Amino acid sequence: MKSLPSIRLIVFDIEGTTIDNKIEGIPIDIKCLYEVILERNPEISLHDLKNSKIEDHQKRFKNFNSELLKEYWKLFNKYSEKLNEADGAWEIFQWLRIHDIKIALVSTIPALIVKKILEIIGWKMNEAFDYWTCSELVDEWRPSPILIKRSMRHSHIRNISEVIKVSSSPSGIKEGKDAGVFTIALKSDWFSDEELMECNPDAFFKDFKEMLGWLKLENLV
């Protein structure tokens, strides 16, 4: 495992990493998308959606007409009440804020959904985190490191050695690697350990508690 210098920013994925967004074991955005598409294409499978590219999901969403969007949002609002923050997320956020390490949240799902999720969880800017952004706002998708770069610019950080990326998805890990920052894989219930490790993260932790213990031992502040 790489040794680290002082860290000033940690960029976390929102869905599946800091937010436990699974409904019946399926990420909420995928489940809603699946149910909307399934009514019109019975041959679609969850396996297809899991293994398709993020941009394919976004194209489907963008191509929805008003009726499909209405159905999608109805499902999302139905399931969203079951969302929770991931175990240990708040504790690690508080530790980072005490030690003056900036927190950025990034996502590949549409901005309106990100706002809704943060509202449901009760996380507010400058209280739980410092900045958030998503692919839809820049119209560029992973593994492009643009969301990490935007987070760095917002935090007035130029040195990639001062940044960590944390993700529970292969695309999120690849994003961190492509940005050149230290990249942490967090164990996922949706992707296998093998799928995550194939992306060559710099570190792998089973949960935020284990990651926080490592941060304290690394003396990053």
C-alpha atoms as a PDB file:
ATOM      1  CA  MET A   1       0.000   0.000   0.000  1.00  0.00           C
ATOM      2  CA  LYS A   2       1.296   3.449  -0.917  1.00  0.00           C
ATOM      3  CA  SER A   3       2.427   5.803   1.810  1.00  0.00           C
ATOM      4  CA  LEU A   4       0.618   9.127   1.807  1.00  0.00           C
ATOM      5  CA  PRO A   5       1.568  12.756   2.393  1.00  0.00           C
ATOM      6  CA  SER A   6      -0.776  15.232   4.032  1.00  0.00           C
ATOM      7  CA  ILE A   7      -4.302  14.925   2.626  1.00  0.00           C
ATOM      8  CA  ARG A   8      -6.520  17.985   2.063  1.00  0.00           C
ATOM      9  CA  LEU A   9      -9.470  16.526   0.137  1.00  0.00           C
ATOM     10  CA  ILE A  10     -11.363  13.232  -0.010  1.00  0.00           C
ATOM     11  CA  VAL A  11     -13.805  12.709  -2.871  1.00  0.00           C
ATOM     12  CA  PHE A  12     -16.549  10.181  -2.111  1.00  0.00           C
ATOM     13  CA  ASP A  13     -19.047   8.607  -4.477  1.00  0.00           C
ATOM     14  CA  ILE A  14     -22.592   9.199  -3.268  1.00  0.00           C
ATOM     15  CA  GLU A  15     -24.662   6.254  -4.433  1.00  0.00           C
ATOM     16  CA  GLY A  16     -23.577   2.901  -3.056  1.00  0.00           C
ATOM     17  CA  THR A  17     -20.659   4.373  -1.099  1.00  0.00           C
ATOM     18  CA  THR A  18     -21.727   7.089   1.352  1.00  0.00           C
ATOM     19  CA  ILE A  19     -25.414   6.311   0.802  1.00  0.00           C
ATOM     20  CA  ASP A  20     -26.880   2.827   1.196  1.00  0.00           C
ATOM     21  CA  ASN A  21     -29.099   3.225  -1.833  1.00  0.00           C
ATOM     22  CA  LYS A  22     -30.198  -0.376  -2.311  1.00  0.00           C
ATOM     23  CA  ILE A  23     -33.875  -1.268  -2.496  1.00  0.00           C
ATOM     24  CA  GLU A  24     -34.428  -5.020  -2.255  1.00  0.00           C
ATOM     25  CA  GLY A  25     -30.714  -5.413  -2.920  1.00  0.00           C
ATOM     26  CA  ILE A  26     -30.743  -3.215  -6.048  1.00  0.00           C
ATOM     27  CA  PRO A  27     -29.473   0.395  -6.314  1.00  0.00           C
ATOM     28  CA  ILE A  28     -32.508   2.695  -6.331  1.00  0.00           C
ATOM     29  CA  ASP A  29     -31.728   4.366  -9.664  1.00  0.00           C
ATOM     30  CA  ILE A  30     -31.224   0.979 -11.352  1.00  0.00           C
ATOM     31  CA  LYS A  31     -34.371  -0.461  -9.779  1.00  0.00           C
ATOM     32  CA  CYS A  32     -36.540   2.464 -10.903  1.00  0.00           C
ATOM     33  CA  LEU A  33     -35.003   2.430 -14.373  1.00  0.00           C
ATOM     34  CA  TYR A  34     -35.474  -1.333 -14.598  1.00  0.00           C
ATOM     35  CA  GLU A  35     -39.145  -1.204 -13.617  1.00  0.00           C
ATOM     36  CA  VAL A  36     -39.902   1.579 -16.089  1.00  0.00           C
ATOM     37  CA  ILE A  37     -38.111  -0.162 -18.972  1.00  0.00           C
ATOM     38  CA  LEU A  38     -39.422  -3.625 -18.076  1.00  0.00           C
ATOM     39  CA  GLU A  39     -43.013  -2.606 -18.800  1.00  0.00           C
ATOM     40  CA  ARG A  40     -42.036  -1.765 -22.361  1.00  0.00           C
ATOM     41  CA  ASN A  41     -39.221  -4.256 -22.899  1.00  0.00           C
ATOM     42  CA  PRO A  42     -39.846  -7.525 -21.021  1.00  0.00           C
ATOM     43  CA  GLU A  43     -36.533  -8.896 -22.285  1.00  0.00           C
ATOM     44  CA  ILE A  44     -34.424  -6.393 -20.314  1.00  0.00           C
ATOM     45  CA  SER A  45     -32.639  -7.893 -17.313  1.00  0.00           C
ATOM     46  CA  LEU A  46     -30.954  -6.508 -14.224  1.00  0.00           C
ATOM     47  CA  HIS A  47     -27.786  -8.185 -15.462  1.00  0.00           C
ATOM     48  CA  ASP A  48     -28.001  -6.062 -18.626  1.00  0.00           C
ATOM     49  CA  LEU A  49     -28.336  -2.862 -16.624  1.00  0.00           C
ATOM     50  CA  LYS A  50     -25.573  -3.770 -14.193  1.00  0.00           C
ATOM     51  CA  ASN A  51     -23.104  -4.490 -16.957  1.00  0.00           C
ATOM     52  CA  SER A  52     -23.991  -1.634 -19.304  1.00  0.00           C
ATOM     53  CA  LYS A  53     -22.034   1.586 -19.227  1.00  0.00           C
ATOM     54  CA  ILE A  54     -23.055   4.488 -17.004  1.00  0.00           C
ATOM     55  CA  GLU A  55     -23.564   6.667 -20.068  1.00  0.00           C
ATOM     56  CA  ASP A  56     -26.058   4.118 -21.420  1.00  0.00           C
ATOM     57  CA  HIS A  57     -28.155   4.628 -18.282  1.00  0.00           C
ATOM     58  CA  GLN A  58     -27.937   8.380 -18.710  1.00  0.00           C
ATOM     59  CA  LYS A  59     -28.974   8.195 -22.372  1.00  0.00           C
ATOM     60  CA  ARG A  60     -31.994   6.136 -21.410  1.00  0.00           C
ATOM     61  CA  PHE A  61     -32.951   8.710 -18.802  1.00  0.00           C
ATOM     62  CA  LYS A  62     -32.441  11.657 -21.159  1.00  0.00           C
ATOM     63  CA  ASN A  63     -34.562   9.955 -23.826  1.00  0.00           C
ATOM     64  CA  PHE A  64     -37.480   9.463 -21.468  1.00  0.00           C
ATOM     65  CA  ASN A  65     -40.579  11.379 -22.521  1.00  0.00           C
ATOM     66  CA  SER A  66     -42.677  13.164 -19.920  1.00  0.00           C
ATOM     67  CA  GLU A  67     -44.761  10.054 -19.225  1.00  0.00           C
ATOM     68  CA  LEU A  68     -41.698   7.882 -18.570  1.00  0.00           C
ATOM     69  CA  LEU A  69     -40.106  10.531 -16.375  1.00  0.00           C
ATOM     70  CA  LYS A  70     -43.313  10.809 -14.379  1.00  0.00           C
ATOM     71  CA  GLU A  71     -43.304   7.049 -13.826  1.00  0.00           C
ATOM     72  CA  TYR A  72     -39.623   7.093 -12.885  1.00  0.00           C
ATOM     73  CA  TRP A  73     -40.087   9.858 -10.324  1.00  0.00           C
ATOM     74  CA  LYS A  74     -43.161   8.185  -8.873  1.00  0.00           C
ATOM     75  CA  LEU A  75     -41.114   5.034  -8.270  1.00  0.00           C
ATOM     76  CA  PHE A  76     -38.154   7.006  -6.947  1.00  0.00           C
ATOM     77  CA  ASN A  77     -40.306   8.905  -4.468  1.00  0.00           C
ATOM     78  CA  LYS A  78     -41.900   5.636  -3.400  1.00  0.00           C
ATOM     79  CA  TYR A  79     -38.576   3.940  -2.684  1.00  0.00           C
ATOM     80  CA  SER A  80     -36.544   6.937  -1.523  1.00  0.00           C
ATOM     81  CA  GLU A  81     -37.997   6.873   1.983  1.00  0.00           C
ATOM     82  CA  LYS A  82     -36.048   3.651   2.544  1.00  0.00           C
ATOM     83  CA  LEU A  83     -32.644   5.211   1.807  1.00  0.00           C
ATOM     84  CA  ASN A  84     -30.090   5.541   4.587  1.00  0.00           C
ATOM     85  CA  GLU A  85     -26.559   6.827   4.988  1.00  0.00           C
ATOM     86  CA  ALA A  86     -23.952   4.075   4.872  1.00  0.00           C
ATOM     87  CA  ASP A  87     -22.759   2.770   8.222  1.00  0.00           C
ATOM     88  CA  GLY A  88     -19.883   4.891   9.477  1.00  0.00           C
ATOM     89  CA  ALA A  89     -20.258   7.632   6.841  1.00  0.00           C
ATOM     90  CA  TRP A  90     -21.257  10.352   9.302  1.00  0.00           C
ATOM     91  CA  GLU A  91     -18.464   9.391  11.713  1.00  0.00           C
ATOM     92  CA  ILE A  92     -15.801   9.593   9.028  1.00  0.00           C
ATOM     93  CA  PHE A  93     -17.207  12.903   7.770  1.00  0.00           C
ATOM     94  CA  GLN A  94     -17.030  14.390  11.257  1.00  0.00           C
ATOM     95  CA  TRP A  95     -13.458  13.171  11.776  1.00  0.00           C
ATOM     96  CA  LEU A  96     -12.386  14.687   8.453  1.00  0.00           C
ATOM     97  CA  ARG A  97     -14.049  18.014   9.212  1.00  0.00           C
ATOM     98  CA  ILE A  98     -12.408  18.183  12.653  1.00  0.00           C
ATOM     99  CA  HIS A  99      -9.064  17.691  10.928  1.00  0.00           C
ATOM    100  CA  ASP A 100      -9.834  20.290   8.231  1.00  0.00           C
ATOM    101  CA  ILE A 101      -9.904  17.778   5.375  1.00  0.00           C
ATOM    102  CA  LYS A 102     -12.394  18.817   2.691  1.00  0.00           C
ATOM    103  CA  ILE A 103     -15.195  16.452   1.674  1.00  0.00           C
ATOM    104  CA  ALA A 104     -16.587  16.342  -1.868  1.00  0.00           C
ATOM    105  CA  LEU A 105     -19.470  14.119  -2.973  1.00  0.00           C
ATOM    106  CA  VAL A 106     -19.769  13.050  -6.609  1.00  0.00           C
ATOM    107  CA  SER A 107     -22.348  11.071  -8.559  1.00  0.00           C
ATOM    108  CA  THR A 108     -23.274   9.797 -11.994  1.00  0.00           C
ATOM    109  CA  ILE A 109     -27.018  10.029 -11.405  1.00  0.00           C
ATOM    110  CA  PRO A 110     -29.049  13.117 -12.429  1.00  0.00           C
ATOM    111  CA  ALA A 111     -28.685  16.282 -10.360  1.00  0.00           C
ATOM    112  CA  LEU A 112     -32.336  16.357  -9.282  1.00  0.00           C
ATOM    113  CA  ILE A 113     -31.985  12.864  -7.832  1.00  0.00           C
ATOM    114  CA  VAL A 114     -28.755  13.786  -6.038  1.00  0.00           C
ATOM    115  CA  LYS A 115     -30.478  16.790  -4.458  1.00  0.00           C
ATOM    116  CA  LYS A 116     -33.420  14.619  -3.437  1.00  0.00           C
ATOM    117  CA  ILE A 117     -31.166  11.989  -1.859  1.00  0.00           C
ATOM    118  CA  LEU A 118     -29.153  14.546   0.113  1.00  0.00           C
ATOM    119  CA  GLU A 119     -32.395  16.128   1.303  1.00  0.00           C
ATOM    120  CA  ILE A 120     -33.788  12.757   2.445  1.00  0.00           C
ATOM    121  CA  ILE A 121     -30.590  11.847   4.273  1.00  0.00           C
ATOM    122  CA  GLY A 122     -30.405  15.295   5.839  1.00  0.00           C
ATOM    123  CA  TRP A 123     -26.870  16.133   4.744  1.00  0.00           C
ATOM    124  CA  LYS A 124     -26.280  19.845   4.234  1.00  0.00           C
ATOM    125  CA  MET A 125     -23.465  21.733   2.542  1.00  0.00           C
ATOM    126  CA  ASN A 126     -20.860  23.012   5.002  1.00  0.00           C
ATOM    127  CA  GLU A 127     -22.244  20.767   7.731  1.00  0.00           C
ATOM    128  CA  ALA A 128     -21.806  17.215   6.456  1.00  0.00           C
ATOM    129  CA  PHE A 129     -19.709  17.999   3.365  1.00  0.00           C
ATOM    130  CA  ASP A 130     -18.115  20.892   1.457  1.00  0.00           C
ATOM    131  CA  TYR A 131     -19.116  20.361  -2.166  1.00  0.00           C
ATOM    132  CA  TRP A 132     -21.060  18.075  -4.482  1.00  0.00           C
ATOM    133  CA  THR A 133     -21.312  17.659  -8.235  1.00  0.00           C
ATOM    134  CA  CYS A 134     -22.479  15.087 -10.768  1.00  0.00           C
ATOM    135  CA  SER A 135     -21.817  13.970 -14.337  1.00  0.00           C
ATOM    136  CA  GLU A 136     -25.019  15.487 -15.676  1.00  0.00           C
ATOM    137  CA  LEU A 137     -23.802  18.993 -14.792  1.00  0.00           C
ATOM    138  CA  VAL A 138     -20.698  18.596 -16.955  1.00  0.00           C
ATOM    139  CA  ASP A 139     -22.076  16.150 -19.546  1.00  0.00           C
ATOM    140  CA  GLU A 140     -19.011  13.950 -19.186  1.00  0.00           C
ATOM    141  CA  TRP A 141     -18.927  10.447 -17.795  1.00  0.00           C
ATOM    142  CA  ARG A 142     -16.622   8.112 -15.926  1.00  0.00           C
ATOM    143  CA  PRO A 143     -13.877   7.119 -16.091  1.00  0.00           C
ATOM    144  CA  SER A 144     -13.244  10.767 -16.994  1.00  0.00           C
ATOM    145  CA  PRO A 145     -11.738  12.400 -13.879  1.00  0.00           C
ATOM    146  CA  ILE A 146     -13.586  15.677 -14.429  1.00  0.00           C
ATOM    147  CA  LEU A 147     -15.651  15.412 -11.227  1.00  0.00           C
ATOM    148  CA  ILE A 148     -12.491  14.978  -9.176  1.00  0.00           C
ATOM    149  CA  LYS A 149     -10.885  17.932 -10.950  1.00  0.00           C
ATOM    150  CA  ARG A 150     -13.968  20.092 -10.306  1.00  0.00           C
ATOM    151  CA  SER A 151     -13.832  19.105  -6.644  1.00  0.00           C
ATOM    152  CA  MET A 152     -10.160  20.042  -6.504  1.00  0.00           C
ATOM    153  CA  ARG A 153     -10.773  23.426  -8.127  1.00  0.00           C
ATOM    154  CA  HIS A 154     -13.588  24.179  -5.714  1.00  0.00           C
ATOM    155  CA  SER A 155     -11.295  23.262  -2.815  1.00  0.00           C
ATOM    156  CA  HIS A 156      -8.384  25.312  -4.271  1.00  0.00           C
ATOM    157  CA  ILE A 157      -6.176  22.230  -4.483  1.00  0.00           C
ATOM    158  CA  ARG A 158      -3.778  21.615  -7.366  1.00  0.00           C
ATOM    159  CA  ASN A 159      -1.622  18.783  -6.069  1.00  0.00           C
ATOM    160  CA  ILE A 160      -3.167  15.359  -6.793  1.00  0.00           C
ATOM    161  CA  SER A 161      -1.040  13.843  -4.015  1.00  0.00           C
ATOM    162  CA  GLU A 162      -3.271  15.703  -1.539  1.00  0.00           C
ATOM    163  CA  VAL A 163      -6.440  13.984  -2.776  1.00  0.00           C
ATOM    164  CA  ILE A 164      -8.095  10.605  -2.104  1.00  0.00           C
ATOM    165  CA  LYS A 165     -10.978   9.100  -4.098  1.00  0.00           C
ATOM    166  CA  VAL A 166     -13.328   6.596  -2.399  1.00  0.00           C
ATOM    167  CA  SER A 167     -15.714   4.387  -4.351  1.00  0.00           C
ATOM    168  CA  SER A 168     -17.619   1.110  -4.200  1.00  0.00           C
ATOM    169  CA  SER A 169     -17.923   0.734  -7.984  1.00  0.00           C
ATOM    170  CA  PRO A 170     -15.476  -0.196 -10.759  1.00  0.00           C
ATOM    171  CA  SER A 171     -16.232   3.005 -12.692  1.00  0.00           C
ATOM    172  CA  GLY A 172     -15.612   5.133  -9.599  1.00  0.00           C
ATOM    173  CA  ILE A 173     -12.309   3.414  -8.917  1.00  0.00           C
ATOM    174  CA  LYS A 174     -11.227   3.849 -12.537  1.00  0.00           C
ATOM    175  CA  GLU A 175     -12.130   7.537 -12.245  1.00  0.00           C
ATOM    176  CA  GLY A 176      -9.739   7.910  -9.321  1.00  0.00           C
ATOM    177  CA  LYS A 177      -6.966   5.998 -11.060  1.00  0.00           C
ATOM    178  CA  ASP A 178      -7.381   8.089 -14.218  1.00  0.00           C
ATOM    179  CA  ALA A 179      -7.159  11.248 -12.123  1.00  0.00           C
ATOM    180  CA  GLY A 180      -3.886  10.006 -10.644  1.00  0.00           C
ATOM    181  CA  VAL A 181      -5.101  10.304  -7.054  1.00  0.00           C
ATOM    182  CA  PHE A 182      -4.813   7.719  -4.272  1.00  0.00           C
ATOM    183  CA  THR A 183      -7.886   5.540  -4.793  1.00  0.00           C
ATOM    184  CA  ILE A 184      -9.710   3.519  -2.147  1.00  0.00           C
ATOM    185  CA  ALA A 185     -12.161   0.726  -2.942  1.00  0.00           C
ATOM    186  CA  LEU A 186     -14.862   0.202  -0.360  1.00  0.00           C
ATOM    187  CA  LYS A 187     -16.557  -3.205  -0.210  1.00  0.00           C
ATOM    188  CA  SER A 188     -19.834  -3.337  -2.132  1.00  0.00           C
ATOM    189  CA  ASP A 189     -22.990  -5.447  -1.936  1.00  0.00           C
ATOM    190  CA  TRP A 190     -23.641  -4.869  -5.632  1.00  0.00           C
ATOM    191  CA  PHE A 191     -20.191  -5.485  -7.138  1.00  0.00           C
ATOM    192  CA  SER A 192     -17.940  -8.364  -6.136  1.00  0.00           C
ATOM    193  CA  ASP A 193     -14.554  -7.882  -4.473  1.00  0.00           C
ATOM    194  CA  GLU A 194     -12.989  -9.310  -7.627  1.00  0.00           C
ATOM    195  CA  GLU A 195     -14.682  -6.703  -9.838  1.00  0.00           C
ATOM    196  CA  LEU A 196     -13.376  -3.930  -7.603  1.00  0.00           C
ATOM    197  CA  MET A 197      -9.840  -5.327  -7.264  1.00  0.00           C
ATOM    198  CA  GLU A 198      -9.540  -5.720 -11.041  1.00  0.00           C
ATOM    199  CA  CYS A 199      -9.463  -1.906 -11.184  1.00  0.00           C
ATOM    200  CA  ASN A 200      -6.258  -1.859  -9.081  1.00  0.00           C
ATOM    201  CA  PRO A 201      -7.280   0.414  -6.203  1.00  0.00           C
ATOM    202  CA  ASP A 202      -4.477   1.592  -3.940  1.00  0.00           C
ATOM    203  CA  ALA A 203      -6.324   0.325  -0.868  1.00  0.00           C
ATOM    204  CA  PHE A 204      -9.387  -1.810  -0.099  1.00  0.00           C
ATOM    205  CA  PHE A 205     -11.509  -1.615   3.045  1.00  0.00           C
ATOM    206  CA  LYS A 206     -14.542  -3.605   4.135  1.00  0.00           C
ATOM    207  CA  ASP A 207     -16.287  -0.531   5.603  1.00  0.00           C
ATOM    208  CA  PHE A 208     -15.852   3.059   6.778  1.00  0.00           C
ATOM    209  CA  LYS A 209     -14.861   1.956  10.270  1.00  0.00           C
ATOM    210  CA  GLU A 210     -11.842   0.125   8.882  1.00  0.00           C
ATOM    211  CA  MET A 211     -11.019   3.063   6.602  1.00  0.00           C
ATOM    212  CA  LEU A 212     -11.208   5.524   9.497  1.00  0.00           C
ATOM    213  CA  GLY A 213      -8.827   3.398  11.560  1.00  0.00           C
ATOM    214  CA  TRP A 214      -6.382   3.453   8.660  1.00  0.00           C
ATOM    215  CA  LEU A 215      -6.666   7.233   8.272  1.00  0.00           C
ATOM    216  CA  LYS A 216      -5.843   7.723  11.918  1.00  0.00           C
ATOM    217  CA  LEU A 217      -2.805   5.446  11.679  1.00  0.00           C
ATOM    218  CA  GLU A 218      -1.528   7.156   8.522  1.00  0.00           C
ATOM    219  CA  ASN A 219      -1.141  10.524  10.289  1.00  0.00           C
ATOM    220  CA  LEU A 220      -2.443  12.367   7.255  1.00  0.00           C
ATOM    221  CA  VAL A 221      -3.061  15.634   9.050  1.00  0.00           C
END
